[in-house]
Amino acid sequence: MSRLLPLPEALRRLNEAAARTPTVPVLDWPDGSGPVSRRQPAPDGRADLTATLADAAITFLTGPDRERLRACHAPAASATS
């Protein structure tokens, strides 16, 4: 029995959680360059922990460190009373 969600379901849940992070647009205009728009977390700090973790997971999975990710082949932990 697999402990993992099917990939489409896992992606849907991850993206839904990440969407709960309120962001605001920020304009930056470096000297000698054109304007750049980016998004940053809203300053009121209302993001919930799940949204923050989802954002970190997306950043990790789309970044260069993704190549360091390895599967864990340890047996599933059993529940104890």
PDB file of N, CA and C in Angstrom:
ATOM      1  N   MET A   1       0.848  -1.175   0.000  1.00  0.00           N
ATOM      2  CA  MET A   1       0.000   0.000   0.000  1.00  0.00           C
ATOM      3  C   MET A   1       0.898   1.244   0.000  1.00  0.00           C
ATOM      4  N   SER A   2       0.664   2.135  -0.919  1.00  0.00           N
ATOM      5  CA  SER A   2       1.475   3.346  -1.044  1.00  0.00           C
ATOM      6  C   SER A   2       1.071   4.392  -0.011  1.00  0.00           C
ATOM      7  N   ARG A   3       2.082   5.041   0.587  1.00  0.00           N
ATOM      8  CA  ARG A   3       1.817   6.113   1.554  1.00  0.00           C
ATOM      9  C   ARG A   3       1.755   7.465   0.862  1.00  0.00           C
ATOM     10  N   LEU A   4       2.088   7.501  -0.413  1.00  0.00           N
ATOM     11  CA  LEU A   4       2.141   8.766  -1.138  1.00  0.00           C
ATOM     12  C   LEU A   4       0.851   9.029  -1.897  1.00  0.00           C
ATOM     13  N   LEU A   5       0.513  10.297  -2.012  1.00  0.00           N
ATOM     14  CA  LEU A   5      -0.635  10.686  -2.837  1.00  0.00           C
ATOM     15  C   LEU A   5      -0.253  10.560  -4.304  1.00  0.00           C
ATOM     16  N   PRO A   6      -1.225  10.337  -5.179  1.00  0.00           N
ATOM     17  CA  PRO A   6      -0.926  10.399  -6.606  1.00  0.00           C
ATOM     18  C   PRO A   6      -0.398  11.801  -6.934  1.00  0.00           C
ATOM     19  N   LEU A   7       0.519  11.891  -7.878  1.00  0.00           N
ATOM     20  CA  LEU A   7       1.171  13.157  -8.190  1.00  0.00           C
ATOM     21  C   LEU A   7       0.193  14.299  -8.470  1.00  0.00           C
ATOM     22  N   PRO A   8      -0.842  14.122  -9.307  1.00  0.00           N
ATOM     23  CA  PRO A   8      -1.759  15.245  -9.549  1.00  0.00           C
ATOM     24  C   PRO A   8      -2.423  15.760  -8.265  1.00  0.00           C
ATOM     25  N   GLU A   9      -2.810  14.848  -7.372  1.00  0.00           N
ATOM     26  CA  GLU A   9      -3.439  15.246  -6.110  1.00  0.00           C
ATOM     27  C   GLU A   9      -2.434  15.963  -5.208  1.00  0.00           C
ATOM     28  N   ALA A  10      -1.210  15.464  -5.146  1.00  0.00           N
ATOM     29  CA  ALA A  10      -0.171  16.108  -4.326  1.00  0.00           C
ATOM     30  C   ALA A  10       0.116  17.517  -4.832  1.00  0.00           C
ATOM     31  N   LEU A  11       0.226  17.687  -6.143  1.00  0.00           N
ATOM     32  CA  LEU A  11       0.477  19.015  -6.716  1.00  0.00           C
ATOM     33  C   LEU A  11      -0.685  19.962  -6.446  1.00  0.00           C
ATOM     34  N   ARG A  12      -1.908  19.463  -6.577  1.00  0.00           N
ATOM     35  CA  ARG A  12      -3.079  20.300  -6.323  1.00  0.00           C
ATOM     36  C   ARG A  12      -3.076  20.793  -4.879  1.00  0.00           C
ATOM     37  N   ARG A  13      -2.835  19.889  -3.942  1.00  0.00           N
ATOM     38  CA  ARG A  13      -2.834  20.273  -2.526  1.00  0.00           C
ATOM     39  C   ARG A  13      -1.703  21.247  -2.199  1.00  0.00           C
ATOM     40  N   LEU A  14      -0.530  21.006  -2.769  1.00  0.00           N
ATOM     41  CA  LEU A  14       0.606  21.897  -2.532  1.00  0.00           C
ATOM     42  C   LEU A  14       0.319  23.295  -3.063  1.00  0.00           C
ATOM     43  N   ASN A  15      -0.196  23.384  -4.272  1.00  0.00           N
ATOM     44  CA  ASN A  15      -0.501  24.688  -4.865  1.00  0.00           C
ATOM     45  C   ASN A  15      -1.625  25.407  -4.119  1.00  0.00           C
ATOM     46  N   GLU A  16      -2.632  24.667  -3.663  1.00  0.00           N
ATOM     47  CA  GLU A  16      -3.707  25.291  -2.884  1.00  0.00           C
ATOM     48  C   GLU A  16      -3.174  25.855  -1.565  1.00  0.00           C
ATOM     49  N   ALA A  17      -2.291  25.119  -0.925  1.00  0.00           N
ATOM     50  CA  ALA A  17      -1.716  25.602   0.335  1.00  0.00           C
ATOM     51  C   ALA A  17      -0.851  26.835   0.093  1.00  0.00           C
ATOM     52  N   ALA A  18      -0.036  26.808  -0.949  1.00  0.00           N
ATOM     53  CA  ALA A  18       0.832  27.954  -1.250  1.00  0.00           C
ATOM     54  C   ALA A  18       0.017  29.196  -1.585  1.00  0.00           C
ATOM     55  N   ALA A  19      -1.150  29.009  -2.168  1.00  0.00           N
ATOM     56  CA  ALA A  19      -1.998  30.148  -2.546  1.00  0.00           C
ATOM     57  C   ALA A  19      -2.549  30.883  -1.332  1.00  0.00           C
ATOM     58  N   ARG A  20      -2.467  30.274  -0.159  1.00  0.00           N
ATOM     59  CA  ARG A  20      -2.964  30.941   1.046  1.00  0.00           C
ATOM     60  C   ARG A  20      -1.980  31.964   1.607  1.00  0.00           C
ATOM     61  N   THR A  21      -0.832  32.115   0.959  1.00  0.00           N
ATOM     62  CA  THR A  21       0.143  33.115   1.394  1.00  0.00           C
ATOM     63  C   THR A  21      -0.190  34.435   0.712  1.00  0.00           C
ATOM     64  N   PRO A  22      -0.634  35.434   1.471  1.00  0.00           N
ATOM     65  CA  PRO A  22      -0.928  36.723   0.846  1.00  0.00           C
ATOM     66  C   PRO A  22       0.375  37.406   0.421  1.00  0.00           C
ATOM     67  N   THR A  23       0.393  37.883  -0.806  1.00  0.00           N
ATOM     68  CA  THR A  23       1.574  38.575  -1.317  1.00  0.00           C
ATOM     69  C   THR A  23       1.193  39.945  -1.845  1.00  0.00           C
ATOM     70  N   VAL A  24       2.198  40.788  -1.952  1.00  0.00           N
ATOM     71  CA  VAL A  24       2.000  42.130  -2.496  1.00  0.00           C
ATOM     72  C   VAL A  24       3.049  42.368  -3.574  1.00  0.00           C
ATOM     73  N   PRO A  25       2.701  43.153  -4.606  1.00  0.00           N
ATOM     74  CA  PRO A  25       3.704  43.469  -5.621  1.00  0.00           C
ATOM     75  C   PRO A  25       4.681  44.516  -5.087  1.00  0.00           C
ATOM     76  N   VAL A  26       5.937  44.389  -5.483  1.00  0.00           N
ATOM     77  CA  VAL A  26       6.972  45.343  -5.093  1.00  0.00           C
ATOM     78  C   VAL A  26       7.696  45.774  -6.365  1.00  0.00           C
ATOM     79  N   LEU A  27       7.830  47.078  -6.542  1.00  0.00           N
ATOM     80  CA  LEU A  27       8.534  47.623  -7.698  1.00  0.00           C
ATOM     81  C   LEU A  27       9.940  48.005  -7.283  1.00  0.00           C
ATOM     82  N   ASP A  28      10.921  47.553  -8.053  1.00  0.00           N
ATOM     83  CA  ASP A  28      12.314  47.918  -7.823  1.00  0.00           C
ATOM     84  C   ASP A  28      12.838  48.498  -9.133  1.00  0.00           C
ATOM     85  N   TRP A  29      13.670  49.532  -9.034  1.00  0.00           N
ATOM     86  CA  TRP A  29      14.203  50.178 -10.229  1.00  0.00           C
ATOM     87  C   TRP A  29      15.688  50.431 -10.007  1.00  0.00           C
ATOM     88  N   PRO A  30      16.525  49.404 -10.234  1.00  0.00           N
ATOM     89  CA  PRO A  30      17.957  49.546 -10.007  1.00  0.00           C
ATOM     90  C   PRO A  30      18.580  50.588 -10.940  1.00  0.00           C
ATOM     91  N   ASP A  31      19.633  51.255 -10.458  1.00  0.00           N
ATOM     92  CA  ASP A  31      20.359  52.219 -11.291  1.00  0.00           C
ATOM     93  C   ASP A  31      20.873  51.523 -12.545  1.00  0.00           C
ATOM     94  N   GLY A  32      20.698  52.178 -13.679  1.00  0.00           N
ATOM     95  CA  GLY A  32      21.207  51.655 -14.939  1.00  0.00           C
ATOM     96  C   GLY A  32      20.430  50.480 -15.494  1.00  0.00           C
ATOM     97  N   SER A  33      19.257  50.231 -14.973  1.00  0.00           N
ATOM     98  CA  SER A  33      18.455  49.099 -15.419  1.00  0.00           C
ATOM     99  C   SER A  33      16.995  49.513 -15.473  1.00  0.00           C
ATOM    100  N   GLY A  34      16.189  48.663 -16.052  1.00  0.00           N
ATOM    101  CA  GLY A  34      14.764  48.935 -16.125  1.00  0.00           C
ATOM    102  C   GLY A  34      14.047  48.492 -14.866  1.00  0.00           C
ATOM    103  N   PRO A  35      12.778  48.835 -14.767  1.00  0.00           N
ATOM    104  CA  PRO A  35      12.002  48.456 -13.589  1.00  0.00           C
ATOM    105  C   PRO A  35      11.781  46.940 -13.523  1.00  0.00           C
ATOM    106  N   VAL A  36      11.732  46.436 -12.308  1.00  0.00           N
ATOM    107  CA  VAL A  36      11.513  45.011 -12.068  1.00  0.00           C
ATOM    108  C   VAL A  36      10.389  44.871 -11.048  1.00  0.00           C
ATOM    109  N   SER A  37       9.442  44.016 -11.361  1.00  0.00           N
ATOM    110  CA  SER A  37       8.350  43.740 -10.432  1.00  0.00           C
ATOM    111  C   SER A  37       8.562  42.355  -9.837  1.00  0.00           C
ATOM    112  N   ARG A  38       8.354  42.241  -8.544  1.00  0.00           N
ATOM    113  CA  ARG A  38       8.422  40.946  -7.875  1.00  0.00           C
ATOM    114  C   ARG A  38       7.330  40.912  -6.817  1.00  0.00           C
ATOM    115  N   ARG A  39       7.097  39.747  -6.280  1.00  0.00           N
ATOM    116  CA  ARG A  39       6.086  39.613  -5.232  1.00  0.00           C
ATOM    117  C   ARG A  39       6.787  39.226  -3.945  1.00  0.00           C
ATOM    118  N   GLN A  40       6.275  39.730  -2.841  1.00  0.00           N
ATOM    119  CA  GLN A  40       6.809  39.364  -1.534  1.00  0.00           C
ATOM    120  C   GLN A  40       5.652  39.156  -0.577  1.00  0.00           C
ATOM    121  N   PRO A  41       5.890  38.417   0.501  1.00  0.00           N
ATOM    122  CA  PRO A  41       4.817  38.190   1.476  1.00  0.00           C
ATOM    123  C   PRO A  41       4.266  39.508   2.014  1.00  0.00           C
ATOM    124  N   ALA A  42       2.977  39.526   2.267  1.00  0.00           N
ATOM    125  CA  ALA A  42       2.333  40.712   2.829  1.00  0.00           C
ATOM    126  C   ALA A  42       2.970  41.044   4.172  1.00  0.00           C
ATOM    127  N   PRO A  43       3.133  42.325   4.470  1.00  0.00           N
ATOM    128  CA  PRO A  43       3.841  42.722   5.687  1.00  0.00           C
ATOM    129  C   PRO A  43       3.110  42.419   6.994  1.00  0.00           C
ATOM    130  N   ASP A  44       1.840  42.064   6.935  1.00  0.00           N
ATOM    131  CA  ASP A  44       1.118  41.824   8.194  1.00  0.00           C
ATOM    132  C   ASP A  44       1.364  40.433   8.775  1.00  0.00           C
ATOM    133  N   GLY A  45       2.101  39.582   8.060  1.00  0.00           N
ATOM    134  CA  GLY A  45       2.470  38.267   8.584  1.00  0.00           C
ATOM    135  C   GLY A  45       1.320  37.306   8.780  1.00  0.00           C
ATOM    136  N   ARG A  46       0.278  37.398   7.961  1.00  0.00           N
ATOM    137  CA  ARG A  46      -0.896  36.544   8.137  1.00  0.00           C
ATOM    138  C   ARG A  46      -0.764  35.166   7.497  1.00  0.00           C
ATOM    139  N   ALA A  47       0.332  34.872   6.839  1.00  0.00           N
ATOM    140  CA  ALA A  47       0.473  33.577   6.177  1.00  0.00           C
ATOM    141  C   ALA A  47       0.455  32.456   7.215  1.00  0.00           C
ATOM    142  N   ASP A  48      -0.296  31.402   6.934  1.00  0.00           N
ATOM    143  CA  ASP A  48      -0.301  30.293   7.883  1.00  0.00           C
ATOM    144  C   ASP A  48       0.893  29.373   7.627  1.00  0.00           C
ATOM    145  N   LEU A  49       1.187  28.529   8.579  1.00  0.00           N
ATOM    146  CA  LEU A  49       2.367  27.677   8.506  1.00  0.00           C
ATOM    147  C   LEU A  49       2.328  26.766   7.288  1.00  0.00           C
ATOM    148  N   THR A  50       1.164  26.186   6.980  1.00  0.00           N
ATOM    149  CA  THR A  50       1.059  25.298   5.830  1.00  0.00           C
ATOM    150  C   THR A  50       1.406  26.037   4.548  1.00  0.00           C
ATOM    151  N   ALA A  51       0.924  27.267   4.399  1.00  0.00           N
ATOM    152  CA  ALA A  51       1.224  28.056   3.206  1.00  0.00           C
ATOM    153  C   ALA A  51       2.710  28.361   3.120  1.00  0.00           C
ATOM    154  N   THR A  52       3.324  28.679   4.236  1.00  0.00           N
ATOM    155  CA  THR A  52       4.755  28.973   4.253  1.00  0.00           C
ATOM    156  C   THR A  52       5.568  27.740   3.874  1.00  0.00           C
ATOM    157  N   LEU A  53       5.192  26.579   4.415  1.00  0.00           N
ATOM    158  CA  LEU A  53       5.893  25.343   4.072  1.00  0.00           C
ATOM    159  C   LEU A  53       5.681  24.967   2.608  1.00  0.00           C
ATOM    160  N   ALA A  54       4.476  25.183   2.092  1.00  0.00           N
ATOM    161  CA  ALA A  54       4.207  24.898   0.686  1.00  0.00           C
ATOM    162  C   ALA A  54       5.063  25.781  -0.209  1.00  0.00           C
ATOM    163  N   ASP A  55       5.184  27.057   0.139  1.00  0.00           N
ATOM    164  CA  ASP A  55       6.021  27.970  -0.634  1.00  0.00           C
ATOM    165  C   ASP A  55       7.475  27.497  -0.620  1.00  0.00           C
ATOM    166  N   ALA A  56       7.964  27.079   0.537  1.00  0.00           N
ATOM    167  CA  ALA A  56       9.342  26.587   0.639  1.00  0.00           C
ATOM    168  C   ALA A  56       9.534  25.319  -0.196  1.00  0.00           C
ATOM    169  N   ALA A  57       8.540  24.435  -0.202  1.00  0.00           N
ATOM    170  CA  ALA A  57       8.631  23.208  -0.990  1.00  0.00           C
ATOM    171  C   ALA A  57       8.685  23.515  -2.478  1.00  0.00           C
ATOM    172  N   ILE A  58       7.858  24.451  -2.928  1.00  0.00           N
ATOM    173  CA  ILE A  58       7.859  24.828  -4.341  1.00  0.00           C
ATOM    174  C   ILE A  58       9.202  25.440  -4.720  1.00  0.00           C
ATOM    175  N   THR A  59       9.724  26.313  -3.874  1.00  0.00           N
ATOM    176  CA  THR A  59      11.026  26.927  -4.135  1.00  0.00           C
ATOM    177  C   THR A  59      12.109  25.856  -4.217  1.00  0.00           C
ATOM    178  N   PHE A  60      12.083  24.899  -3.297  1.00  0.00           N
ATOM    179  CA  PHE A  60      13.071  23.818  -3.309  1.00  0.00           C
ATOM    180  C   PHE A  60      12.946  22.962  -4.568  1.00  0.00           C
ATOM    181  N   LEU A  61      11.724  22.550  -4.902  1.00  0.00           N
ATOM    182  CA  LEU A  61      11.516  21.640  -6.027  1.00  0.00           C
ATOM    183  C   LEU A  61      11.798  22.275  -7.380  1.00  0.00           C
ATOM    184  N   THR A  62      11.789  23.599  -7.457  1.00  0.00           N
ATOM    185  CA  THR A  62      12.072  24.269  -8.730  1.00  0.00           C
ATOM    186  C   THR A  62      13.478  24.853  -8.767  1.00  0.00           C
ATOM    187  N   GLY A  63      14.251  24.654  -7.719  1.00  0.00           N
ATOM    188  CA  GLY A  63      15.598  25.209  -7.649  1.00  0.00           C
ATOM    189  C   GLY A  63      16.677  24.168  -7.891  1.00  0.00           C
ATOM    190  N   PRO A  64      17.927  24.597  -7.874  1.00  0.00           N
ATOM    191  CA  PRO A  64      19.047  23.699  -8.159  1.00  0.00           C
ATOM    192  C   PRO A  64      19.256  22.617  -7.095  1.00  0.00           C
ATOM    193  N   ASP A  65      18.810  22.849  -5.867  1.00  0.00           N
ATOM    194  CA  ASP A  65      18.983  21.841  -4.814  1.00  0.00           C
ATOM    195  C   ASP A  65      18.090  20.622  -5.006  1.00  0.00           C
ATOM    196  N   ARG A  66      17.138  20.709  -5.914  1.00  0.00           N
ATOM    197  CA  ARG A  66      16.245  19.570  -6.187  1.00  0.00           C
ATOM    198  C   ARG A  66      17.050  18.316  -6.536  1.00  0.00           C
ATOM    199  N   GLU A  67      18.195  18.486  -7.192  1.00  0.00           N
ATOM    200  CA  GLU A  67      19.025  17.352  -7.594  1.00  0.00           C
ATOM    201  C   GLU A  67      19.567  16.583  -6.387  1.00  0.00           C
ATOM    202  N   ARG A  68      19.562  17.193  -5.216  1.00  0.00           N
ATOM    203  CA  ARG A  68      20.059  16.538  -4.006  1.00  0.00           C
ATOM    204  C   ARG A  68      18.987  15.682  -3.328  1.00  0.00           C
ATOM    205  N   LEU A  69      17.745  15.784  -3.755  1.00  0.00           N
ATOM    206  CA  LEU A  69      16.630  15.057  -3.146  1.00  0.00           C
ATOM    207  C   LEU A  69      16.747  13.562  -3.441  1.00  0.00           C
ATOM    208  N   ARG A  70      16.567  12.754  -2.418  1.00  0.00           N
ATOM    209  CA  ARG A  70      16.635  11.303  -2.551  1.00  0.00           C
ATOM    210  C   ARG A  70      15.433  10.674  -1.857  1.00  0.00           C
ATOM    211  N   ALA A  71      15.029   9.504  -2.341  1.00  0.00           N
ATOM    212  CA  ALA A  71      13.919   8.767  -1.730  1.00  0.00           C
ATOM    213  C   ALA A  71      14.380   8.121  -0.429  1.00  0.00           C
ATOM    214  N   CYS A  72      13.482   8.038   0.522  1.00  0.00           N
ATOM    215  CA  CYS A  72      13.757   7.357   1.790  1.00  0.00           C
ATOM    216  C   CYS A  72      13.143   5.964   1.704  1.00  0.00           C
ATOM    217  N   HIS A  73      13.963   4.949   1.896  1.00  0.00           N
ATOM    218  CA  HIS A  73      13.481   3.571   1.788  1.00  0.00           C
ATOM    219  C   HIS A  73      13.268   2.924   3.155  1.00  0.00           C
ATOM    220  N   ALA A  74      13.188   3.738   4.187  1.00  0.00           N
ATOM    221  CA  ALA A  74      12.948   3.216   5.536  1.00  0.00           C
ATOM    222  C   ALA A  74      11.525   2.667   5.624  1.00  0.00           C
ATOM    223  N   PRO A  75      11.322   1.640   6.442  1.00  0.00           N
ATOM    224  CA  PRO A  75       9.958   1.111   6.601  1.00  0.00           C
ATOM    225  C   PRO A  75       9.067   2.145   7.283  1.00  0.00           C
ATOM    226  N   ALA A  76       7.790   2.018   7.023  1.00  0.00           N
ATOM    227  CA  ALA A  76       6.821   2.933   7.635  1.00  0.00           C
ATOM    228  C   ALA A  76       6.833   2.755   9.145  1.00  0.00           C
ATOM    229  N   ALA A  77       6.722   3.857   9.856  1.00  0.00           N
ATOM    230  CA  ALA A  77       6.662   3.798  11.318  1.00  0.00           C
ATOM    231  C   ALA A  77       5.319   3.216  11.732  1.00  0.00           C
ATOM    232  N   SER A  78       5.327   2.379  12.750  1.00  0.00           N
ATOM    233  CA  SER A  78       4.063   1.814  13.221  1.00  0.00           C
ATOM    234  C   SER A  78       3.532   2.657  14.364  1.00  0.00           C
ATOM    235  N   ALA A  79       2.224   2.740  14.455  1.00  0.00           N
ATOM    236  CA  ALA A  79       1.581   3.506  15.527  1.00  0.00           C
ATOM    237  C   ALA A  79       1.667   2.704  16.820  1.00  0.00           C
ATOM    238  N   THR A  80       1.979   3.406  17.897  1.00  0.00           N
ATOM    239  CA  THR A  80       2.021   2.745  19.203  1.00  0.00           C
ATOM    240  C   THR A  80       0.997   3.382  20.121  1.00  0.00           C
ATOM    241  N   SER A  81       0.520   2.622  21.078  1.00  0.00           N
ATOM    242  CA  SER A  81      -0.481   3.149  22.006  1.00  0.00           C
ATOM    243  C   SER A  81       0.163   3.931  23.100  1.00  0.00           C
TER     244      SER A  81
END
